[in-house]
């Protein structure tokens, strides 16, 4: 994803509506143990091209040892909104 942060979200969420209204965003990534975090400021873009492939890539990256056929089913609910 070429240095970009990709977040998968339903089209009807408040997050998506807010980005459509104002694309200035802040992303906070934090951990509890040890307590630390990173705050990132930037511009968001909603990308409707290749949605399934992008969602699948995100799910695959976090799925670990999950079988590929199960990972392929994970993005479908996001696309059915």
PDB file of N, CA and C in Angstrom:
ATOM      1  N   UNK A   1       0.805  -1.144   0.000  1.00  0.00           N
ATOM      2  CA  UNK A   1       0.000   0.000   0.000  1.00  0.00           C
ATOM      3  C   UNK A   1       0.871   1.237   0.000  1.00  0.00           C
ATOM      4  N   UNK A   2       2.078   1.018  -0.427  1.00  0.00           N
ATOM      5  CA  UNK A   2       2.973   2.113  -0.798  1.00  0.00           C
ATOM      6  C   UNK A   2       3.112   3.210   0.247  1.00  0.00           C
ATOM      7  N   UNK A   3       3.338   2.835   1.486  1.00  0.00           N
ATOM      8  CA  UNK A   3       3.532   3.818   2.531  1.00  0.00           C
ATOM      9  C   UNK A   3       2.260   4.479   3.017  1.00  0.00           C
ATOM     10  N   UNK A   4       1.138   4.003   2.562  1.00  0.00           N
ATOM     11  CA  UNK A   4      -0.138   4.568   2.993  1.00  0.00           C
ATOM     12  C   UNK A   4      -0.710   3.738   4.129  1.00  0.00           C
ATOM     13  N   UNK A   5      -1.543   4.350   4.912  1.00  0.00           N
ATOM     14  CA  UNK A   5      -2.306   3.627   5.929  1.00  0.00           C
ATOM     15  C   UNK A   5      -3.650   3.297   5.308  1.00  0.00           C
ATOM     16  N   UNK A   6      -4.001   2.025   5.287  1.00  0.00           N
ATOM     17  CA  UNK A   6      -5.269   1.593   4.706  1.00  0.00           C
ATOM     18  C   UNK A   6      -6.170   1.129   5.831  1.00  0.00           C
ATOM     19  N   UNK A   7      -7.351   1.703   5.909  1.00  0.00           N
ATOM     20  CA  UNK A   7      -8.346   1.341   6.917  1.00  0.00           C
ATOM     21  C   UNK A   7      -9.595   0.896   6.173  1.00  0.00           C
ATOM     22  N   UNK A   8     -10.058  -0.306   6.477  1.00  0.00           N
ATOM     23  CA  UNK A   8     -11.262  -0.846   5.849  1.00  0.00           C
ATOM     24  C   UNK A   8     -12.457  -0.444   6.707  1.00  0.00           C
ATOM     25  N   UNK A   9     -13.479   0.114   6.069  1.00  0.00           N
ATOM     26  CA  UNK A   9     -14.652   0.574   6.802  1.00  0.00           C
ATOM     27  C   UNK A   9     -15.889   0.469   5.919  1.00  0.00           C
ATOM     28  N   UNK A  10     -17.036   0.297   6.551  1.00  0.00           N
ATOM     29  CA  UNK A  10     -18.299   0.297   5.815  1.00  0.00           C
ATOM     30  C   UNK A  10     -18.561   1.697   5.252  1.00  0.00           C
ATOM     31  N   UNK A  11     -19.255   1.748   4.136  1.00  0.00           N
ATOM     32  CA  UNK A  11     -19.547   3.032   3.491  1.00  0.00           C
ATOM     33  C   UNK A  11     -20.466   3.908   4.327  1.00  0.00           C
ATOM     34  N   UNK A  12     -21.234   3.315   5.237  1.00  0.00           N
ATOM     35  CA  UNK A  12     -22.230   4.080   5.987  1.00  0.00           C
ATOM     36  C   UNK A  12     -21.748   4.526   7.369  1.00  0.00           C
ATOM     37  N   UNK A  13     -20.474   4.293   7.711  1.00  0.00           N
ATOM     38  CA  UNK A  13     -20.010   4.647   9.059  1.00  0.00           C
ATOM     39  C   UNK A  13     -19.804   6.150   9.202  1.00  0.00           C
ATOM     40  N   UNK A  14     -19.795   6.585  10.434  1.00  0.00           N
ATOM     41  CA  UNK A  14     -19.524   7.993  10.722  1.00  0.00           C
ATOM     42  C   UNK A  14     -18.137   8.372  10.208  1.00  0.00           C
ATOM     43  N   UNK A  15     -17.178   7.463  10.359  1.00  0.00           N
ATOM     44  CA  UNK A  15     -15.810   7.714   9.882  1.00  0.00           C
ATOM     45  C   UNK A  15     -15.821   8.069   8.398  1.00  0.00           C
ATOM     46  N   UNK A  16     -16.517   7.293   7.601  1.00  0.00           N
ATOM     47  CA  UNK A  16     -16.568   7.531   6.161  1.00  0.00           C
ATOM     48  C   UNK A  16     -17.289   8.846   5.849  1.00  0.00           C
ATOM     49  N   UNK A  17     -18.392   9.086   6.522  1.00  0.00           N
ATOM     50  CA  UNK A  17     -19.115  10.347   6.300  1.00  0.00           C
ATOM     51  C   UNK A  17     -18.257  11.551   6.675  1.00  0.00           C
ATOM     52  N   UNK A  18     -17.508  11.436   7.778  1.00  0.00           N
ATOM     53  CA  UNK A  18     -16.641  12.543   8.190  1.00  0.00           C
ATOM     54  C   UNK A  18     -15.546  12.814   7.159  1.00  0.00           C
ATOM     55  N   UNK A  19     -14.971  11.748   6.596  1.00  0.00           N
ATOM     56  CA  UNK A  19     -13.919  11.922   5.590  1.00  0.00           C
ATOM     57  C   UNK A  19     -14.484  12.578   4.338  1.00  0.00           C
ATOM     58  N   UNK A  20     -15.711  12.224   3.962  1.00  0.00           N
ATOM     59  CA  UNK A  20     -16.338  12.870   2.801  1.00  0.00           C
ATOM     60  C   UNK A  20     -16.544  14.360   3.048  1.00  0.00           C
ATOM     61  N   UNK A  21     -16.833  14.713   4.298  1.00  0.00           N
ATOM     62  CA  UNK A  21     -17.085  16.106   4.658  1.00  0.00           C
ATOM     63  C   UNK A  21     -15.781  16.905   4.812  1.00  0.00           C
ATOM     64  N   UNK A  22     -14.762  16.266   5.413  1.00  0.00           N
ATOM     65  CA  UNK A  22     -13.485  16.936   5.674  1.00  0.00           C
ATOM     66  C   UNK A  22     -12.397  15.866   5.709  1.00  0.00           C
ATOM     67  N   UNK A  23     -11.481  15.911   4.762  1.00  0.00           N
ATOM     68  CA  UNK A  23     -10.501  14.830   4.663  1.00  0.00           C
ATOM     69  C   UNK A  23      -9.243  15.035   5.497  1.00  0.00           C
ATOM     70  N   UNK A  24      -9.207  16.047   6.356  1.00  0.00           N
ATOM     71  CA  UNK A  24      -8.111  16.179   7.321  1.00  0.00           C
ATOM     72  C   UNK A  24      -8.334  15.134   8.410  1.00  0.00           C
ATOM     73  N   UNK A  25      -7.354  14.264   8.626  1.00  0.00           N
ATOM     74  CA  UNK A  25      -7.532  13.167   9.578  1.00  0.00           C
ATOM     75  C   UNK A  25      -6.362  13.056  10.541  1.00  0.00           C
ATOM     76  N   UNK A  26      -6.636  12.384  11.654  1.00  0.00           N
ATOM     77  CA  UNK A  26      -5.630  12.017  12.629  1.00  0.00           C
ATOM     78  C   UNK A  26      -5.806  10.540  12.909  1.00  0.00           C
ATOM     79  N   UNK A  27      -4.708   9.799  12.896  1.00  0.00           N
ATOM     80  CA  UNK A  27      -4.739   8.369  13.200  1.00  0.00           C
ATOM     81  C   UNK A  27      -3.859   8.155  14.418  1.00  0.00           C
ATOM     82  N   UNK A  28      -4.395   7.491  15.432  1.00  0.00           N
ATOM     83  CA  UNK A  28      -3.635   7.159  16.632  1.00  0.00           C
ATOM     84  C   UNK A  28      -3.469   5.655  16.682  1.00  0.00           C
ATOM     85  N   UNK A  29      -2.230   5.214  16.776  1.00  0.00           N
ATOM     86  CA  UNK A  29      -1.914   3.796  16.944  1.00  0.00           C
ATOM     87  C   UNK A  29      -1.212   3.685  18.287  1.00  0.00           C
ATOM     88  N   UNK A  30      -1.803   2.915  19.200  1.00  0.00           N
ATOM     89  CA  UNK A  30      -1.191   2.823  20.528  1.00  0.00           C
ATOM     90  C   UNK A  30      -1.210   1.400  21.060  1.00  0.00           C
ATOM     91  N   UNK A  31      -0.417   1.186  22.084  1.00  0.00           N
ATOM     92  CA  UNK A  31      -0.360  -0.094  22.782  1.00  0.00           C
ATOM     93  C   UNK A  31      -0.487   0.170  24.271  1.00  0.00           C
ATOM     94  N   UNK A  32      -0.956  -0.839  25.001  1.00  0.00           N
ATOM     95  CA  UNK A  32      -1.075  -0.680  26.450  1.00  0.00           C
ATOM     96  C   UNK A  32       0.186  -1.116  27.177  1.00  0.00           C
ATOM     97  N   UNK A  33       0.820  -2.167  26.690  1.00  0.00           N
ATOM     98  CA  UNK A  33       2.030  -2.676  27.348  1.00  0.00           C
ATOM     99  C   UNK A  33       3.106  -2.915  26.324  1.00  0.00           C
ATOM    100  N   UNK A  34       4.140  -2.178  26.301  1.00  0.00           N
ATOM    101  CA  UNK A  34       4.359  -0.965  27.085  1.00  0.00           C
ATOM    102  C   UNK A  34       3.502   0.168  26.537  1.00  0.00           C
ATOM    103  N   UNK A  35       3.166   1.108  27.394  1.00  0.00           N
ATOM    104  CA  UNK A  35       2.294   2.201  26.987  1.00  0.00           C
ATOM    105  C   UNK A  35       3.068   3.172  26.098  1.00  0.00           C
ATOM    106  N   UNK A  36       2.696   3.189  24.830  1.00  0.00           N
ATOM    107  CA  UNK A  36       3.288   4.115  23.870  1.00  0.00           C
ATOM    108  C   UNK A  36       2.364   4.245  22.670  1.00  0.00           C
ATOM    109  N   UNK A  37       2.611   5.253  21.880  1.00  0.00           N
ATOM    110  CA  UNK A  37       1.748   5.448  20.729  1.00  0.00           C
ATOM    111  C   UNK A  37       2.368   6.346  19.686  1.00  0.00           C
ATOM    112  N   UNK A  38       1.722   6.362  18.527  1.00  0.00           N
ATOM    113  CA  UNK A  38       2.134   7.207  17.411  1.00  0.00           C
ATOM    114  C   UNK A  38       0.893   7.947  16.928  1.00  0.00           C
ATOM    115  N   UNK A  39       1.012   9.232  16.761  1.00  0.00           N
ATOM    116  CA  UNK A  39      -0.084  10.057  16.263  1.00  0.00           C
ATOM    117  C   UNK A  39       0.313  10.569  14.885  1.00  0.00           C
ATOM    118  N   UNK A  40      -0.534  10.316  13.895  1.00  0.00           N
ATOM    119  CA  UNK A  40      -0.231  10.665  12.513  1.00  0.00           C
ATOM    120  C   UNK A  40      -1.319  11.614  11.995  1.00  0.00           C
ATOM    121  N   UNK A  41      -0.895  12.711  11.408  1.00  0.00           N
ATOM    122  CA  UNK A  41      -1.808  13.671  10.789  1.00  0.00           C
ATOM    123  C   UNK A  41      -1.687  13.543   9.274  1.00  0.00           C
ATOM    124  N   UNK A  42      -2.800  13.679   8.573  1.00  0.00           N
ATOM    125  CA  UNK A  42      -2.714  13.591   7.127  1.00  0.00           C
ATOM    126  C   UNK A  42      -4.028  13.875   6.439  1.00  0.00           C
ATOM    127  N   UNK A  43      -4.072  13.540   5.178  1.00  0.00           N
ATOM    128  CA  UNK A  43      -5.266  13.681   4.348  1.00  0.00           C
ATOM    129  C   UNK A  43      -5.764  12.288   3.998  1.00  0.00           C
ATOM    130  N   UNK A  44      -7.071  12.094   4.054  1.00  0.00           N
ATOM    131  CA  UNK A  44      -7.667  10.804   3.722  1.00  0.00           C
ATOM    132  C   UNK A  44      -8.294  10.864   2.341  1.00  0.00           C
ATOM    133  N   UNK A  45      -8.334   9.718   1.711  1.00  0.00           N
ATOM    134  CA  UNK A  45      -9.016   9.577   0.426  1.00  0.00           C
ATOM    135  C   UNK A  45      -9.815   8.285   0.471  1.00  0.00           C
ATOM    136  N   UNK A  46     -11.032   8.342   0.012  1.00  0.00           N
ATOM    137  CA  UNK A  46     -11.866   7.154  -0.075  1.00  0.00           C
ATOM    138  C   UNK A  46     -11.667   6.571  -1.465  1.00  0.00           C
ATOM    139  N   UNK A  47     -11.247   5.331  -1.494  1.00  0.00           N
ATOM    140  CA  UNK A  47     -10.911   4.680  -2.763  1.00  0.00           C
ATOM    141  C   UNK A  47     -11.920   3.579  -3.033  1.00  0.00           C
ATOM    142  N   UNK A  48     -12.693   3.730  -4.098  1.00  0.00           N
ATOM    143  CA  UNK A  48     -13.707   2.743  -4.459  1.00  0.00           C
ATOM    144  C   UNK A  48     -13.211   1.751  -5.512  1.00  0.00           C
ATOM    145  N   UNK A  49     -11.972   1.930  -5.992  1.00  0.00           N
ATOM    146  CA  UNK A  49     -11.407   1.033  -7.002  1.00  0.00           C
ATOM    147  C   UNK A  49     -10.785  -0.184  -6.333  1.00  0.00           C
ATOM    148  N   UNK A  50     -10.984  -1.349  -6.903  1.00  0.00           N
ATOM    149  CA  UNK A  50     -10.390  -2.590  -6.402  1.00  0.00           C
ATOM    150  C   UNK A  50     -10.655  -2.795  -4.911  1.00  0.00           C
ATOM    151  N   UNK A  51     -11.851  -2.491  -4.473  1.00  0.00           N
ATOM    152  CA  UNK A  51     -12.181  -2.528  -3.051  1.00  0.00           C
ATOM    153  C   UNK A  51     -11.962  -3.918  -2.464  1.00  0.00           C
ATOM    154  N   UNK A  52     -12.427  -4.952  -3.157  1.00  0.00           N
ATOM    155  CA  UNK A  52     -12.262  -6.299  -2.607  1.00  0.00           C
ATOM    156  C   UNK A  52     -10.783  -6.632  -2.450  1.00  0.00           C
ATOM    157  N   UNK A  53      -9.974  -6.359  -3.456  1.00  0.00           N
ATOM    158  CA  UNK A  53      -8.549  -6.699  -3.387  1.00  0.00           C
ATOM    159  C   UNK A  53      -7.857  -5.926  -2.270  1.00  0.00           C
ATOM    160  N   UNK A  54      -8.189  -4.659  -2.105  1.00  0.00           N
ATOM    161  CA  UNK A  54      -7.584  -3.867  -1.035  1.00  0.00           C
ATOM    162  C   UNK A  54      -8.000  -4.403   0.338  1.00  0.00           C
ATOM    163  N   UNK A  55      -9.288  -4.692   0.504  1.00  0.00           N
ATOM    164  CA  UNK A  55      -9.768  -5.230   1.777  1.00  0.00           C
ATOM    165  C   UNK A  55      -9.139  -6.586   2.056  1.00  0.00           C
ATOM    166  N   UNK A  56      -9.034  -7.420   1.034  1.00  0.00           N
ATOM    167  CA  UNK A  56      -8.419  -8.731   1.192  1.00  0.00           C
ATOM    168  C   UNK A  56      -6.954  -8.589   1.610  1.00  0.00           C
ATOM    169  N   UNK A  57      -6.228  -7.664   1.008  1.00  0.00           N
ATOM    170  CA  UNK A  57      -4.821  -7.456   1.355  1.00  0.00           C
ATOM    171  C   UNK A  57      -4.656  -7.060   2.815  1.00  0.00           C
ATOM    172  N   UNK A  58      -5.547  -6.189   3.302  1.00  0.00           N
ATOM    173  CA  UNK A  58      -5.492  -5.782   4.706  1.00  0.00           C
ATOM    174  C   UNK A  58      -5.790  -6.977   5.604  1.00  0.00           C
ATOM    175  N   UNK A  59      -6.851  -7.709   5.296  1.00  0.00           N
ATOM    176  CA  UNK A  59      -7.227  -8.868   6.115  1.00  0.00           C
ATOM    177  C   UNK A  59      -6.125  -9.929   6.097  1.00  0.00           C
ATOM    178  N   UNK A  60      -5.528 -10.146   4.948  1.00  0.00           N
ATOM    179  CA  UNK A  60      -4.468 -11.142   4.819  1.00  0.00           C
ATOM    180  C   UNK A  60      -3.254 -10.759   5.667  1.00  0.00           C
ATOM    181  N   UNK A  61      -2.953  -9.466   5.724  1.00  0.00           N
ATOM    182  CA  UNK A  61      -1.796  -9.003   6.491  1.00  0.00           C
ATOM    183  C   UNK A  61      -1.966  -9.243   7.990  1.00  0.00           C
ATOM    184  N   UNK A  62      -3.196  -9.199   8.483  1.00  0.00           N
ATOM    185  CA  UNK A  62      -3.422  -9.373   9.926  1.00  0.00           C
ATOM    186  C   UNK A  62      -3.936 -10.757  10.295  1.00  0.00           C
ATOM    187  N   UNK A  63      -4.149 -11.628   9.328  1.00  0.00           N
ATOM    188  CA  UNK A  63      -4.773 -12.929   9.582  1.00  0.00           C
ATOM    189  C   UNK A  63      -3.823 -13.963  10.158  1.00  0.00           C
ATOM    190  N   UNK A  64      -2.535 -13.755  10.050  1.00  0.00           N
ATOM    191  CA  UNK A  64      -1.594 -14.735  10.579  1.00  0.00           C
ATOM    192  C   UNK A  64      -1.672 -16.058   9.848  1.00  0.00           C
ATOM    193  N   UNK A  65      -1.923 -17.129  10.584  1.00  0.00           N
ATOM    194  CA  UNK A  65      -1.944 -18.477  10.007  1.00  0.00           C
ATOM    195  C   UNK A  65      -3.327 -18.922   9.546  1.00  0.00           C
ATOM    196  N   UNK A  66      -4.269 -18.011   9.473  1.00  0.00           N
ATOM    197  CA  UNK A  66      -5.618 -18.364   9.060  1.00  0.00           C
ATOM    198  C   UNK A  66      -5.598 -18.878   7.617  1.00  0.00           C
ATOM    199  N   UNK A  67      -6.367 -19.937   7.313  1.00  0.00           N
ATOM    200  CA  UNK A  67      -6.408 -20.448   5.935  1.00  0.00           C
ATOM    201  C   UNK A  67      -6.868 -19.376   4.943  1.00  0.00           C
ATOM    202  N   UNK A  68      -6.269 -19.388   3.757  1.00  0.00           N
ATOM    203  CA  UNK A  68      -6.533 -18.344   2.754  1.00  0.00           C
ATOM    204  C   UNK A  68      -8.002 -18.281   2.355  1.00  0.00           C
ATOM    205  N   UNK A  69      -8.687 -19.429   2.260  1.00  0.00           N
ATOM    206  CA  UNK A  69     -10.103 -19.392   1.866  1.00  0.00           C
ATOM    207  C   UNK A  69     -10.954 -18.680   2.912  1.00  0.00           C
ATOM    208  N   UNK A  70     -10.590 -18.801   4.180  1.00  0.00           N
ATOM    209  CA  UNK A  70     -11.326 -18.092   5.230  1.00  0.00           C
ATOM    210  C   UNK A  70     -11.028 -16.596   5.172  1.00  0.00           C
ATOM    211  N   UNK A  71      -9.771 -16.240   4.930  1.00  0.00           N
ATOM    212  CA  UNK A  71      -9.394 -14.825   4.815  1.00  0.00           C
ATOM    213  C   UNK A  71     -10.138 -14.180   3.654  1.00  0.00           C
ATOM    214  N   UNK A  72     -10.333 -14.917   2.552  1.00  0.00           N
ATOM    215  CA  UNK A  72     -11.029 -14.370   1.387  1.00  0.00           C
ATOM    216  C   UNK A  72     -12.482 -14.043   1.694  1.00  0.00           C
ATOM    217  N   UNK A  73     -13.073 -14.716   2.683  1.00  0.00           N
ATOM    218  CA  UNK A  73     -14.470 -14.438   3.053  1.00  0.00           C
ATOM    219  C   UNK A  73     -14.596 -13.224   3.969  1.00  0.00           C
ATOM    220  N   UNK A  74     -13.539 -12.853   4.678  1.00  0.00           N
ATOM    221  CA  UNK A  74     -13.614 -11.767   5.654  1.00  0.00           C
ATOM    222  C   UNK A  74     -14.040 -10.414   5.081  1.00  0.00           C
ATOM    223  N   UNK A  75     -13.536  -9.995   3.918  1.00  0.00           N
ATOM    224  CA  UNK A  75     -13.913  -8.655   3.415  1.00  0.00           C
ATOM    225  C   UNK A  75     -15.352  -8.564   2.893  1.00  0.00           C
ATOM    226  N   UNK A  76     -15.988  -9.677   2.585  1.00  0.00           N
ATOM    227  CA  UNK A  76     -17.313  -9.634   1.936  1.00  0.00           C
ATOM    228  C   UNK A  76     -18.344  -8.808   2.714  1.00  0.00           C
ATOM    229  N   UNK A  77     -18.456  -8.935   4.053  1.00  0.00           N
ATOM    230  CA  UNK A  77     -19.452  -8.103   4.754  1.00  0.00           C
ATOM    231  C   UNK A  77     -19.211  -6.604   4.583  1.00  0.00           C
ATOM    232  N   UNK A  78     -17.954  -6.195   4.439  1.00  0.00           N
ATOM    233  CA  UNK A  78     -17.659  -4.776   4.247  1.00  0.00           C
ATOM    234  C   UNK A  78     -18.172  -4.284   2.907  1.00  0.00           C
ATOM    235  N   UNK A  79     -18.237  -5.170   1.937  1.00  0.00           N
ATOM    236  CA  UNK A  79     -18.622  -4.786   0.586  1.00  0.00           C
ATOM    237  C   UNK A  79     -20.121  -4.884   0.346  1.00  0.00           C
ATOM    238  N   UNK A  80     -20.857  -5.459   1.283  1.00  0.00           N
ATOM    239  CA  UNK A  80     -22.281  -5.687   1.092  1.00  0.00           C
ATOM    240  C   UNK A  80     -23.123  -4.555   1.682  1.00  0.00           C
ATOM    241  N   UNK A  81     -22.534  -3.453   2.017  1.00  0.00           N
ATOM    242  CA  UNK A  81     -23.266  -2.330   2.611  1.00  0.00           C
ATOM    243  C   UNK A  81     -23.864  -1.454   1.539  1.00  0.00           C
TER     244      UNK A  81
END
